[in-house]
Amino acid sequence: MIALDISVEAEGWEAVPDLEALCREAVAAALAQSDEDVTAGDGVLLSLLLTDDASIRILNRDWRGQDKPTNVLSFPAAPGINPLGPVPLGDLALAYETCVREAREEGKSLAAHVAHLVVHGTLHCLGDDHEEDAEAEAMEAREIAALARMGIADPYAERAVERDD
């Protein structure tokens, strides 16, 4: 079971059709790529904040020391928490204006880009990272597989073509 707590704190998010269903599907697709069955027992809880550039800039500054907006922030839950009920995975925050701009720049739908960022953030909450090349390749492979489950094209395909040139 996936308990998804979505808070919409900015205008514009209604532009994404069936937003809650899309986010729920993206989380489930990311969880399906996990090495562990994290949905066993009482399931998992993930909080998702859909906000704007101004709010995410503050979060990014306060938590990562980077005073600028970003597309997605992930805050994994502390390990070893054993509450009654679903196991908390953590919190995600997405910035509307940045998501819209990136989707346009990359020539993809806003829904596909949001799905990618939710998958990406969920994988961070599961412990994936992309600081080192090997980690990045493994995480990207999980993202690609998760998005394929949703019928969404490989978001890194264009970059792979550029590397081959």
Protein backbone atom coordinates (compact mmCIF):
# COMPACT_ATOMS: atom_id res chain seq x y z
CA MET A 1 0.00 0.00 0.00
CA ILE A 2 1.19 3.49 -0.83
CA ALA A 3 -0.08 6.36 1.30
CA LEU A 4 0.62 9.53 -0.68
CA ASP A 5 0.04 12.84 1.07
CA ILE A 6 -0.11 15.60 -1.56
CA SER A 7 -0.13 19.29 -0.64
CA VAL A 8 -0.66 21.80 -3.45
CA GLU A 9 0.62 25.21 -2.36
CA ALA A 10 0.93 27.01 -5.69
CA GLU A 11 -1.21 27.85 -8.65
CA GLY A 12 -0.72 26.16 -11.99
CA TRP A 13 -0.55 22.53 -10.90
CA GLU A 14 -4.13 22.02 -12.13
CA ALA A 15 -2.60 22.10 -15.64
CA VAL A 16 -1.43 18.52 -15.08
CA PRO A 17 -4.34 16.19 -15.87
CA ASP A 18 -5.15 13.66 -13.15
CA LEU A 19 -2.22 14.93 -11.09
CA GLU A 20 -2.83 12.77 -8.03
CA ALA A 21 -3.21 9.59 -10.09
CA LEU A 22 -0.06 10.45 -12.07
CA CYS A 23 1.97 11.00 -8.88
CA ARG A 24 0.64 7.82 -7.31
CA GLU A 25 1.55 5.83 -10.44
CA ALA A 26 5.04 7.40 -10.52
CA VAL A 27 5.68 6.48 -6.88
CA ALA A 28 4.46 2.92 -7.49
CA ALA A 29 6.68 2.61 -10.58
CA ALA A 30 9.72 3.82 -8.61
CA LEU A 31 8.96 1.42 -5.74
CA ALA A 32 8.75 -1.44 -8.25
CA GLN A 33 12.42 -0.74 -9.10
CA SER A 34 13.52 -1.08 -5.47
CA ASP A 35 15.68 -4.03 -4.43
CA GLU A 36 13.50 -4.46 -1.35
CA ASP A 37 9.76 -4.98 -1.03
CA VAL A 38 9.13 -1.72 0.78
CA THR A 39 5.36 -1.97 0.31
CA ALA A 40 5.11 -5.12 2.46
CA GLY A 41 3.33 -4.93 5.78
CA ASP A 42 1.55 -1.64 6.32
CA GLY A 43 3.08 -0.09 3.21
CA VAL A 44 4.82 3.24 2.82
CA LEU A 45 4.04 6.91 3.29
CA LEU A 46 5.43 9.64 1.06
CA SER A 47 4.61 13.33 1.30
CA LEU A 48 4.62 15.44 -1.85
CA LEU A 49 4.64 19.24 -1.81
CA LEU A 50 3.68 20.89 -5.10
CA THR A 51 4.89 24.43 -4.76
CA ASP A 52 6.48 27.26 -6.72
CA ASP A 53 10.00 28.52 -7.43
CA ALA A 54 9.95 31.05 -4.58
CA SER A 55 9.11 28.43 -1.94
CA ILE A 56 11.46 25.78 -3.25
CA ARG A 57 14.26 28.36 -3.41
CA ILE A 58 13.89 28.85 0.35
CA LEU A 59 13.92 25.09 0.97
CA ASN A 60 16.94 24.67 -1.29
CA ARG A 61 18.77 27.49 0.48
CA ASP A 62 17.93 26.31 3.98
CA TRP A 63 18.55 22.57 3.47
CA ARG A 64 21.18 22.42 0.72
CA GLY A 65 22.89 25.82 0.94
CA GLN A 66 21.96 26.65 -2.66
CA ASP A 67 20.05 29.93 -2.93
CA LYS A 68 18.19 29.17 -6.16
CA PRO A 69 15.08 27.31 -7.25
CA THR A 70 15.37 23.71 -8.42
CA ASN A 71 12.97 21.22 -9.97
CA VAL A 72 12.70 18.63 -7.17
CA LEU A 73 14.00 18.25 -3.64
CA SER A 74 14.01 14.95 -1.78
CA PHE A 75 14.12 14.56 1.97
CA PRO A 76 14.47 10.85 2.86
CA ALA A 77 13.00 9.79 6.17
CA ALA A 78 15.44 8.89 8.92
CA PRO A 79 16.38 5.21 8.80
CA GLY A 80 15.13 2.87 11.46
CA ILE A 81 11.79 4.57 12.03
CA ASN A 82 9.29 1.89 12.93
CA PRO A 83 5.92 3.62 13.42
CA LEU A 84 2.56 2.01 13.66
CA GLY A 85 1.18 2.09 10.15
CA PRO A 86 2.95 2.85 6.86
CA VAL A 87 6.73 3.26 6.91
CA PRO A 88 7.63 6.86 6.03
CA LEU A 89 9.87 7.16 2.96
CA GLY A 90 10.29 10.91 3.17
CA ASP A 91 9.16 14.13 1.55
CA LEU A 92 9.38 15.49 -1.99
CA ALA A 93 8.91 19.05 -3.18
CA LEU A 94 8.45 20.13 -6.81
CA ALA A 95 8.54 23.69 -8.18
CA TYR A 96 5.90 24.49 -10.78
CA GLU A 97 7.68 27.18 -12.81
CA THR A 98 10.90 25.18 -13.06
CA CYS A 99 9.00 22.04 -14.08
CA VAL A 100 7.13 23.94 -16.80
CA ARG A 101 10.31 25.57 -18.13
CA GLU A 102 12.26 22.31 -18.21
CA ALA A 103 9.41 20.42 -19.89
CA ARG A 104 9.28 23.06 -22.63
CA GLU A 105 13.09 23.10 -23.06
CA GLU A 106 13.17 19.30 -23.27
CA GLY A 107 10.17 19.08 -25.60
CA LYS A 108 8.11 16.85 -23.35
CA SER A 109 4.73 17.13 -21.75
CA LEU A 110 4.48 18.62 -18.29
CA ALA A 111 2.86 15.40 -17.07
CA ALA A 112 5.78 13.27 -18.33
CA HIS A 113 8.30 15.60 -16.71
CA VAL A 114 6.44 15.65 -13.40
CA ALA A 115 6.26 11.84 -13.47
CA HIS A 116 10.02 11.70 -14.07
CA LEU A 117 10.75 14.05 -11.17
CA VAL A 118 8.46 12.13 -8.80
CA VAL A 119 10.20 8.87 -9.80
CA HIS A 120 13.61 10.55 -9.36
CA GLY A 121 12.71 11.95 -5.95
CA THR A 122 11.20 8.68 -4.76
CA LEU A 123 14.36 6.82 -5.75
CA HIS A 124 16.37 9.31 -3.68
CA CYS A 125 14.10 8.53 -0.72
CA LEU A 126 14.85 4.84 -1.29
CA GLY A 127 18.59 5.55 -1.06
CA ASP A 128 19.60 6.02 -4.71
CA ASP A 129 22.00 8.82 -5.55
CA HIS A 130 23.91 10.20 -8.52
CA GLU A 131 27.04 11.71 -7.01
CA GLU A 132 29.37 9.19 -8.66
CA ASP A 133 29.19 7.99 -12.28
CA ALA A 134 28.32 4.40 -11.37
CA GLU A 135 25.58 5.56 -8.99
CA ALA A 136 24.20 7.91 -11.63
CA GLU A 137 24.08 5.15 -14.25
CA ALA A 138 22.29 2.78 -11.86
CA MET A 139 19.80 5.45 -10.80
CA GLU A 140 19.11 6.51 -14.39
CA ALA A 141 18.49 2.86 -15.33
CA ARG A 142 15.91 2.60 -12.53
CA GLU A 143 14.29 5.85 -13.65
CA ILE A 144 14.11 4.67 -17.26
CA ALA A 145 12.59 1.33 -16.19
CA ALA A 146 10.06 3.00 -13.89
CA LEU A 147 8.98 5.47 -16.56
CA ALA A 148 8.74 2.68 -19.15
CA ARG A 149 6.22 0.96 -16.82
CA MET A 150 4.16 4.14 -17.18
CA GLY A 151 4.55 4.31 -20.96
CA ILE A 152 6.86 7.33 -20.75
CA ALA A 153 9.90 7.57 -23.01
CA ASP A 154 13.48 7.50 -21.74
CA PRO A 155 14.16 11.06 -20.52
CA TYR A 156 17.89 10.55 -21.08
CA ALA A 157 17.69 9.27 -24.68
CA GLU A 158 18.62 12.60 -26.26
CA ARG A 159 21.62 12.98 -23.97
CA ALA A 160 22.82 9.47 -24.93
CA VAL A 161 22.69 10.47 -28.60
CA GLU A 162 24.72 13.61 -27.84
CA ARG A 163 27.39 11.51 -26.07
CA ASP A 164 27.69 9.25 -29.13
CA ASP A 165 28.45 12.22 -31.44
